[in-house]
Amino acid sequence: MKKYQQIITELEKELSKDLIATRPTQWGEVSYIESHHAIRQANRIFGYGSWERVITIPPTKINDGYMAAVKVTVHLPDENGHIRTAIHEDVGYRKITKEGLEETAIKGSVSDALKRCLRAFGAQFGLDLYGHEESEDEEAKPIRKANGNPFDRRVKALISSVTKTAGEAKWPYEVEFMTEDSPLETLPAYVHKLDQILRPNDEVVLIITTSKAGNEYIKAVEPVEEE
C-alpha cells in the first residue's frame, strides 16, 4: 500500500490535460473527466484493492431519465501508517436523450454517481473543472464555486420554477425543484442573476448550504456532468 505522503502528493497535482474532455451545452463549453479515466485514476492513486464502489440505490426511472446512488469507500494510511477509511456517497442522473437509449441512461446514472463520489478527493478526479469565482461584470453562467464546504449538500435537481422576490428581500429568489427524494421542494437562493441562469425543466446540480440560523438555502449552481 502507498504511503500517506505519496497519495497526498498525487492528489494535489494538477489534472493532466490529456484526461480532460469537453462538450458543448446551452451554457457554453463544459470540461469534465470521463468515467473510465476516473476509475484508472483511483486505481493508480489509491491502488488496486484499496478502494471499492457499491451501488446503494439501483438505477431508478425519474421523469425522463434514470437516477442511481453509489458509495465509494477508500482505505488510506494516515501520517502514522494507520489505515483510515474515507467514504463518499452521491447520486447520479442521466437523461434518456433518444428513443432506444434507455440502457445508456441506466449505465450513465451509475457512472455519474461514481464520478461525483470520486470528485470529493480533489483535482485528480476533476473537482477543479467545476466552478469559478464570479466577478461583478461577468455574464451570468451556470457555474458558481461552492468553496468546498464539507457540510454543503449537493443535489441533482429538475427545476420547476425560479421566482424573483419583490423588494429588498434577503433572499432575492425562490426556487422550486424536484429530486429523487423530494417530488417538489422550495428553497430560497442567493445567486447572482439566477433568473437568467435557470429555466423551468433545466437539469442542474444545486449546492445547498445551511445558514447560522439553521435554514437551508441555495448558494451555487453547477451544470449536470456528462459521462
C-alpha atoms as a PDB file:
ATOM      1  CA  MET A   1       0.000   0.000   0.000  1.00  0.00           C
ATOM      2  CA  LYS A   2       1.214   3.508  -0.792  1.00  0.00           C
ATOM      3  CA  LYS A   3       2.319   5.809   1.999  1.00  0.00           C
ATOM      4  CA  TYR A   4       0.289   8.826   3.121  1.00  0.00           C
ATOM      5  CA  GLN A   5       2.559  11.463   1.577  1.00  0.00           C
ATOM      6  CA  GLN A   6       2.707   9.623  -1.740  1.00  0.00           C
ATOM      7  CA  ILE A   7      -1.085   9.699  -2.008  1.00  0.00           C
ATOM      8  CA  ILE A   8      -1.357  13.352  -0.923  1.00  0.00           C
ATOM      9  CA  THR A   9       1.302  14.361  -3.452  1.00  0.00           C
ATOM     10  CA  GLU A  10      -0.624  12.654  -6.248  1.00  0.00           C
ATOM     11  CA  LEU A  11      -3.962  14.168  -5.181  1.00  0.00           C
ATOM     12  CA  GLU A  12      -2.518  17.681  -5.092  1.00  0.00           C
ATOM     13  CA  LYS A  13      -1.144  17.544  -8.626  1.00  0.00           C
ATOM     14  CA  GLU A  14      -2.875  19.379 -11.443  1.00  0.00           C
ATOM     15  CA  LEU A  15      -5.046  17.130 -13.591  1.00  0.00           C
ATOM     16  CA  SER A  16      -3.385  16.180 -16.872  1.00  0.00           C
ATOM     17  CA  LYS A  17      -4.942  17.926 -19.861  1.00  0.00           C
ATOM     18  CA  ASP A  18      -4.959  14.564 -21.636  1.00  0.00           C
ATOM     19  CA  LEU A  19      -7.700  13.409 -19.234  1.00  0.00           C
ATOM     20  CA  ILE A  20      -9.981  16.394 -19.795  1.00  0.00           C
ATOM     21  CA  ALA A  21     -12.864  16.100 -22.250  1.00  0.00           C
ATOM     22  CA  THR A  22     -15.187  18.895 -23.380  1.00  0.00           C
ATOM     23  CA  ARG A  23     -18.721  19.109 -24.712  1.00  0.00           C
ATOM     24  CA  PRO A  24     -20.955  21.967 -25.870  1.00  0.00           C
ATOM     25  CA  THR A  25     -24.027  22.905 -23.801  1.00  0.00           C
ATOM     26  CA  GLN A  26     -26.606  25.665 -23.825  1.00  0.00           C
ATOM     27  CA  TRP A  27     -24.302  27.470 -21.353  1.00  0.00           C
ATOM     28  CA  GLY A  28     -21.159  27.113 -23.429  1.00  0.00           C
ATOM     29  CA  GLU A  29     -18.377  24.538 -23.428  1.00  0.00           C
ATOM     30  CA  VAL A  30     -18.101  22.347 -20.317  1.00  0.00           C
ATOM     31  CA  SER A  31     -14.996  20.401 -19.261  1.00  0.00           C
ATOM     32  CA  TYR A  32     -15.211  17.054 -17.475  1.00  0.00           C
ATOM     33  CA  ILE A  33     -13.402  13.765 -16.841  1.00  0.00           C
ATOM     34  CA  GLU A  34     -14.814  10.564 -18.319  1.00  0.00           C
ATOM     35  CA  SER A  35     -15.724   7.685 -16.011  1.00  0.00           C
ATOM     36  CA  HIS A  36     -13.095   5.242 -17.300  1.00  0.00           C
ATOM     37  CA  HIS A  37     -10.396   7.827 -16.618  1.00  0.00           C
ATOM     38  CA  ALA A  38     -11.766   8.397 -13.096  1.00  0.00           C
ATOM     39  CA  ILE A  39     -11.558   4.646 -12.385  1.00  0.00           C
ATOM     40  CA  ARG A  40      -7.984   4.467 -13.709  1.00  0.00           C
ATOM     41  CA  GLN A  41      -7.071   7.455 -11.554  1.00  0.00           C
ATOM     42  CA  ALA A  42      -8.452   5.720  -8.460  1.00  0.00           C
ATOM     43  CA  ASN A  43      -6.518   2.537  -9.244  1.00  0.00           C
ATOM     44  CA  ARG A  44      -3.334   4.494  -9.868  1.00  0.00           C
ATOM     45  CA  ILE A  45      -3.514   6.767  -6.814  1.00  0.00           C
ATOM     46  CA  PHE A  46      -5.148   4.549  -4.183  1.00  0.00           C
ATOM     47  CA  GLY A  47      -4.006   1.181  -5.521  1.00  0.00           C
ATOM     48  CA  TYR A  48      -5.901  -1.895  -6.599  1.00  0.00           C
ATOM     49  CA  GLY A  49      -7.908  -3.338  -3.733  1.00  0.00           C
ATOM     50  CA  SER A  50      -7.657  -0.156  -1.653  1.00  0.00           C
ATOM     51  CA  TRP A  51     -10.966   1.244  -2.817  1.00  0.00           C
ATOM     52  CA  GLU A  52     -14.380  -0.111  -3.684  1.00  0.00           C
ATOM     53  CA  ARG A  53     -17.731   1.079  -5.006  1.00  0.00           C
ATOM     54  CA  VAL A  54     -21.202  -0.151  -4.129  1.00  0.00           C
ATOM     55  CA  ILE A  55     -24.476   0.784  -5.825  1.00  0.00           C
ATOM     56  CA  THR A  56     -26.690   1.759  -2.889  1.00  0.00           C
ATOM     57  CA  ILE A  57     -29.713   2.721  -4.978  1.00  0.00           C
ATOM     58  CA  PRO A  58     -30.114   0.846  -8.296  1.00  0.00           C
ATOM     59  CA  PRO A  59     -30.942   2.921 -11.390  1.00  0.00           C
ATOM     60  CA  THR A  60     -34.490   4.183 -10.936  1.00  0.00           C
ATOM     61  CA  LYS A  61     -36.663   5.880 -13.548  1.00  0.00           C
ATOM     62  CA  ILE A  62     -37.112   9.549 -12.685  1.00  0.00           C
ATOM     63  CA  ASN A  63     -39.035  11.736 -15.122  1.00  0.00           C
ATOM     64  CA  ASP A  64     -37.287  11.255 -18.488  1.00  0.00           C
ATOM     65  CA  GLY A  65     -34.112   9.649 -17.200  1.00  0.00           C
ATOM     66  CA  TYR A  66     -32.532   7.428 -14.550  1.00  0.00           C
ATOM     67  CA  MET A  67     -31.065   8.223 -11.143  1.00  0.00           C
ATOM     68  CA  ALA A  68     -28.761   5.976  -9.089  1.00  0.00           C
ATOM     69  CA  ALA A  69     -26.682   6.261  -5.921  1.00  0.00           C
ATOM     70  CA  VAL A  70     -23.149   4.955  -5.387  1.00  0.00           C
ATOM     71  CA  LYS A  71     -20.982   4.709  -2.284  1.00  0.00           C
ATOM     72  CA  VAL A  72     -17.195   4.774  -2.630  1.00  0.00           C
ATOM     73  CA  THR A  73     -15.014   3.501   0.214  1.00  0.00           C
ATOM     74  CA  VAL A  74     -11.269   4.187   0.185  1.00  0.00           C
ATOM     75  CA  HIS A  75      -8.816   2.724   2.692  1.00  0.00           C
ATOM     76  CA  LEU A  76      -5.999   5.212   3.243  1.00  0.00           C
ATOM     77  CA  PRO A  77      -2.955   5.257   5.516  1.00  0.00           C
ATOM     78  CA  ASP A  78      -2.575   8.309   7.764  1.00  0.00           C
ATOM     79  CA  GLU A  79       0.689  10.037   8.693  1.00  0.00           C
ATOM     80  CA  ASN A  80       1.446   7.264  11.198  1.00  0.00           C
ATOM     81  CA  GLY A  81       0.726   4.426   8.804  1.00  0.00           C
ATOM     82  CA  HIS A  82      -2.608   3.512  10.394  1.00  0.00           C
ATOM     83  CA  ILE A  83      -5.349   2.620   7.916  1.00  0.00           C
ATOM     84  CA  ARG A  84      -8.284   5.026   7.864  1.00  0.00           C
ATOM     85  CA  THR A  85     -11.463   4.752   5.843  1.00  0.00           C
ATOM     86  CA  ALA A  86     -12.922   7.571   3.756  1.00  0.00           C
ATOM     87  CA  ILE A  87     -16.477   7.129   2.492  1.00  0.00           C
ATOM     88  CA  HIS A  88     -18.317   9.288  -0.027  1.00  0.00           C
ATOM     89  CA  GLU A  89     -21.824   8.642  -1.331  1.00  0.00           C
ATOM     90  CA  ASP A  90     -23.612  10.590  -4.057  1.00  0.00           C
ATOM     91  CA  VAL A  91     -26.351  10.330  -6.661  1.00  0.00           C
ATOM     92  CA  GLY A  92     -26.081  10.397 -10.436  1.00  0.00           C
ATOM     93  CA  TYR A  93     -28.615  11.127 -13.127  1.00  0.00           C
ATOM     94  CA  ARG A  94     -28.692  10.560 -16.859  1.00  0.00           C
ATOM     95  CA  LYS A  95     -31.402  11.717 -19.187  1.00  0.00           C
ATOM     96  CA  ILE A  96     -32.724   9.469 -21.957  1.00  0.00           C
ATOM     97  CA  THR A  97     -31.691  11.597 -24.909  1.00  0.00           C
ATOM     98  CA  LYS A  98     -33.091   9.457 -27.708  1.00  0.00           C
ATOM     99  CA  GLU A  99     -35.529   6.606 -28.127  1.00  0.00           C
ATOM    100  CA  GLY A 100     -33.795   3.268 -27.654  1.00  0.00           C
ATOM    101  CA  LEU A 101     -31.024   4.660 -25.449  1.00  0.00           C
ATOM    102  CA  GLU A 102     -32.587   3.663 -22.143  1.00  0.00           C
ATOM    103  CA  GLU A 103     -29.749   1.245 -21.347  1.00  0.00           C
ATOM    104  CA  THR A 104     -27.224   4.036 -21.903  1.00  0.00           C
ATOM    105  CA  ALA A 105     -29.080   6.219 -19.415  1.00  0.00           C
ATOM    106  CA  ILE A 106     -29.155   3.398 -16.852  1.00  0.00           C
ATOM    107  CA  LYS A 107     -25.387   2.860 -17.088  1.00  0.00           C
ATOM    108  CA  GLY A 108     -24.764   6.587 -17.229  1.00  0.00           C
ATOM    109  CA  SER A 109     -26.596   7.246 -13.959  1.00  0.00           C
ATOM    110  CA  VAL A 110     -24.233   4.853 -12.155  1.00  0.00           C
ATOM    111  CA  SER A 111     -21.137   6.299 -13.855  1.00  0.00           C
ATOM    112  CA  ASP A 112     -22.244   9.814 -12.965  1.00  0.00           C
ATOM    113  CA  ALA A 113     -22.739   8.890  -9.301  1.00  0.00           C
ATOM    114  CA  LEU A 114     -19.316   7.212  -9.189  1.00  0.00           C
ATOM    115  CA  LYS A 115     -17.559  10.256 -10.620  1.00  0.00           C
ATOM    116  CA  ARG A 116     -19.354  12.547  -8.191  1.00  0.00           C
ATOM    117  CA  CYS A 117     -18.111  10.419  -5.279  1.00  0.00           C
ATOM    118  CA  LEU A 118     -14.514  10.382  -6.507  1.00  0.00           C
ATOM    119  CA  ARG A 119     -14.603  14.114  -7.199  1.00  0.00           C
ATOM    120  CA  ALA A 120     -14.618  14.651  -3.432  1.00  0.00           C
ATOM    121  CA  PHE A 121     -10.925  13.608  -3.483  1.00  0.00           C
ATOM    122  CA  GLY A 122      -9.976  16.678  -5.490  1.00  0.00           C
ATOM    123  CA  ALA A 123      -8.309  17.799  -8.700  1.00  0.00           C
ATOM    124  CA  GLN A 124      -7.181  14.378  -9.925  1.00  0.00           C
ATOM    125  CA  PHE A 125     -10.841  13.426 -10.275  1.00  0.00           C
ATOM    126  CA  GLY A 126     -11.987  16.632 -11.960  1.00  0.00           C
ATOM    127  CA  LEU A 127     -13.045  18.776  -8.995  1.00  0.00           C
ATOM    128  CA  ASP A 128     -11.258  21.862 -10.310  1.00  0.00           C
ATOM    129  CA  LEU A 129     -13.160  21.645 -13.595  1.00  0.00           C
ATOM    130  CA  TYR A 130     -16.326  22.816 -11.844  1.00  0.00           C
ATOM    131  CA  GLY A 131     -16.845  26.366 -10.727  1.00  0.00           C
ATOM    132  CA  HIS A 132     -15.004  29.651 -10.797  1.00  0.00           C
ATOM    133  CA  GLU A 133     -15.198  32.851  -8.813  1.00  0.00           C
ATOM    134  CA  GLU A 134     -17.804  35.214 -10.136  1.00  0.00           C
ATOM    135  CA  SER A 135     -16.891  38.804 -10.938  1.00  0.00           C
ATOM    136  CA  GLU A 136     -19.298  41.742 -10.926  1.00  0.00           C
ATOM    137  CA  ASP A 137     -19.127  42.382 -14.661  1.00  0.00           C
ATOM    138  CA  GLU A 138     -19.259  38.732 -15.692  1.00  0.00           C
ATOM    139  CA  GLU A 139     -22.121  37.439 -17.775  1.00  0.00           C
ATOM    140  CA  ALA A 140     -24.431  35.019 -15.976  1.00  0.00           C
ATOM    141  CA  LYS A 141     -23.140  31.464 -16.216  1.00  0.00           C
ATOM    142  CA  PRO A 142     -24.451  28.294 -14.559  1.00  0.00           C
ATOM    143  CA  ILE A 143     -21.295  27.671 -12.545  1.00  0.00           C
ATOM    144  CA  ARG A 144     -20.800  29.123  -9.089  1.00  0.00           C
ATOM    145  CA  LYS A 145     -17.895  27.938  -6.954  1.00  0.00           C
ATOM    146  CA  ALA A 146     -19.128  26.393  -3.721  1.00  0.00           C
ATOM    147  CA  ASN A 147     -15.807  26.725  -1.823  1.00  0.00           C
ATOM    148  CA  GLY A 148     -15.715  23.044  -0.841  1.00  0.00           C
ATOM    149  CA  ASN A 149     -17.662  23.325   2.436  1.00  0.00           C
ATOM    150  CA  PRO A 150     -17.930  19.724   3.722  1.00  0.00           C
ATOM    151  CA  PHE A 151     -21.383  20.483   5.102  1.00  0.00           C
ATOM    152  CA  ASP A 152     -22.811  21.551   1.760  1.00  0.00           C
ATOM    153  CA  ARG A 153     -25.484  19.329   0.242  1.00  0.00           C
ATOM    154  CA  ARG A 154     -25.213  18.671  -3.490  1.00  0.00           C
ATOM    155  CA  VAL A 155     -28.366  17.526  -5.244  1.00  0.00           C
ATOM    156  CA  LYS A 156     -29.283  16.812  -8.819  1.00  0.00           C
ATOM    157  CA  ALA A 157     -32.491  18.707  -9.477  1.00  0.00           C
ATOM    158  CA  LEU A 158     -35.107  19.276 -12.145  1.00  0.00           C
ATOM    159  CA  ILE A 159     -36.134  22.920 -11.943  1.00  0.00           C
ATOM    160  CA  SER A 160     -39.854  23.635 -11.703  1.00  0.00           C
ATOM    161  CA  SER A 161     -39.738  27.430 -11.339  1.00  0.00           C
ATOM    162  CA  VAL A 162     -37.495  30.352 -10.392  1.00  0.00           C
ATOM    163  CA  THR A 163     -39.282  33.299  -8.798  1.00  0.00           C
ATOM    164  CA  LYS A 164     -37.693  36.661  -8.163  1.00  0.00           C
ATOM    165  CA  THR A 165     -38.831  38.023  -4.805  1.00  0.00           C
ATOM    166  CA  ALA A 166     -40.088  41.574  -4.510  1.00  0.00           C
ATOM    167  CA  GLY A 167     -38.418  44.455  -2.710  1.00  0.00           C
ATOM    168  CA  GLU A 168     -35.222  44.203  -0.727  1.00  0.00           C
ATOM    169  CA  ALA A 169     -35.685  40.625   0.449  1.00  0.00           C
ATOM    170  CA  LYS A 170     -32.660  38.901   1.983  1.00  0.00           C
ATOM    171  CA  TRP A 171     -33.097  36.030  -0.465  1.00  0.00           C
ATOM    172  CA  PRO A 172     -33.734  37.500  -3.938  1.00  0.00           C
ATOM    173  CA  TYR A 173     -35.022  34.209  -5.419  1.00  0.00           C
ATOM    174  CA  GLU A 174     -37.179  31.236  -4.573  1.00  0.00           C
ATOM    175  CA  VAL A 175     -36.555  28.006  -6.467  1.00  0.00           C
ATOM    176  CA  GLU A 176     -38.980  25.107  -6.812  1.00  0.00           C
ATOM    177  CA  PHE A 177     -37.329  21.856  -7.864  1.00  0.00           C
ATOM    178  CA  MET A 178     -37.693  18.084  -7.833  1.00  0.00           C
ATOM    179  CA  THR A 179     -35.143  15.456  -6.796  1.00  0.00           C
ATOM    180  CA  GLU A 180     -35.125  11.717  -6.339  1.00  0.00           C
ATOM    181  CA  ASP A 181     -36.041  12.148  -2.663  1.00  0.00           C
ATOM    182  CA  SER A 182     -38.422  15.071  -2.997  1.00  0.00           C
ATOM    183  CA  PRO A 183     -41.196  15.381  -5.592  1.00  0.00           C
ATOM    184  CA  LEU A 184     -41.328  19.142  -5.015  1.00  0.00           C
ATOM    185  CA  GLU A 185     -39.147  21.284  -2.773  1.00  0.00           C
ATOM    186  CA  THR A 186     -38.818  25.056  -2.409  1.00  0.00           C
ATOM    187  CA  LEU A 187     -35.703  26.831  -1.147  1.00  0.00           C
ATOM    188  CA  PRO A 188     -34.521  30.438  -1.135  1.00  0.00           C
ATOM    189  CA  ALA A 189     -31.456  31.295  -3.173  1.00  0.00           C
ATOM    190  CA  TYR A 190     -28.791  33.954  -3.234  1.00  0.00           C
ATOM    191  CA  VAL A 191     -27.116  33.548  -6.627  1.00  0.00           C
ATOM    192  CA  HIS A 192     -26.321  36.477  -8.893  1.00  0.00           C
ATOM    193  CA  LYS A 193     -28.672  36.669 -11.916  1.00  0.00           C
ATOM    194  CA  LEU A 194     -30.243  33.322 -11.056  1.00  0.00           C
ATOM    195  CA  ASP A 195     -33.349  34.102 -13.110  1.00  0.00           C
ATOM    196  CA  GLN A 196     -31.076  34.383 -16.160  1.00  0.00           C
ATOM    197  CA  ILE A 197     -29.291  31.121 -15.368  1.00  0.00           C
ATOM    198  CA  LEU A 198     -32.152  28.738 -14.620  1.00  0.00           C
ATOM    199  CA  ARG A 199     -35.305  27.982 -16.560  1.00  0.00           C
ATOM    200  CA  PRO A 200     -38.150  25.530 -15.889  1.00  0.00           C
ATOM    201  CA  ASN A 201     -37.184  21.944 -16.816  1.00  0.00           C
ATOM    202  CA  ASP A 202     -33.432  22.655 -16.561  1.00  0.00           C
ATOM    203  CA  GLU A 203     -31.464  19.788 -15.006  1.00  0.00           C
ATOM    204  CA  VAL A 204     -28.713  21.113 -12.755  1.00  0.00           C
ATOM    205  CA  VAL A 205     -26.763  20.431  -9.586  1.00  0.00           C
ATOM    206  CA  LEU A 206     -27.781  22.689  -6.698  1.00  0.00           C
ATOM    207  CA  ILE A 207     -25.268  23.430  -3.940  1.00  0.00           C
ATOM    208  CA  ILE A 208     -27.323  23.774  -0.766  1.00  0.00           C
ATOM    209  CA  THR A 209     -25.869  25.048   2.496  1.00  0.00           C
ATOM    210  CA  THR A 210     -27.208  25.899   5.950  1.00  0.00           C
ATOM    211  CA  SER A 211     -27.254  29.376   7.458  1.00  0.00           C
ATOM    212  CA  LYS A 212     -26.197  30.136  11.024  1.00  0.00           C
ATOM    213  CA  ALA A 213     -29.887  30.198  11.913  1.00  0.00           C
ATOM    214  CA  GLY A 214     -30.195  26.607  10.700  1.00  0.00           C
ATOM    215  CA  ASN A 215     -32.081  27.365   7.467  1.00  0.00           C
ATOM    216  CA  GLU A 216     -31.112  25.784   4.153  1.00  0.00           C
ATOM    217  CA  TYR A 217     -30.589  27.897   1.041  1.00  0.00           C
ATOM    218  CA  ILE A 218     -29.132  27.522  -2.444  1.00  0.00           C
ATOM    219  CA  LYS A 219     -25.751  29.195  -2.752  1.00  0.00           C
ATOM    220  CA  ALA A 220     -24.459  27.849  -6.061  1.00  0.00           C
ATOM    221  CA  VAL A 221     -25.483  26.116  -9.287  1.00  0.00           C
ATOM    222  CA  GLU A 222     -23.499  23.742 -11.477  1.00  0.00           C
ATOM    223  CA  PRO A 223     -24.287  22.090 -14.811  1.00  0.00           C
ATOM    224  CA  VAL A 224     -25.005  18.387 -14.764  1.00  0.00           C
ATOM    225  CA  GLU A 225     -21.868  16.456 -15.672  1.00  0.00           C
ATOM    226  CA  GLU A 226     -21.980  14.142 -18.663  1.00  0.00           C
ATOM    227  CA  GLU A 227     -20.093  10.873 -18.889  1.00  0.00           C
END
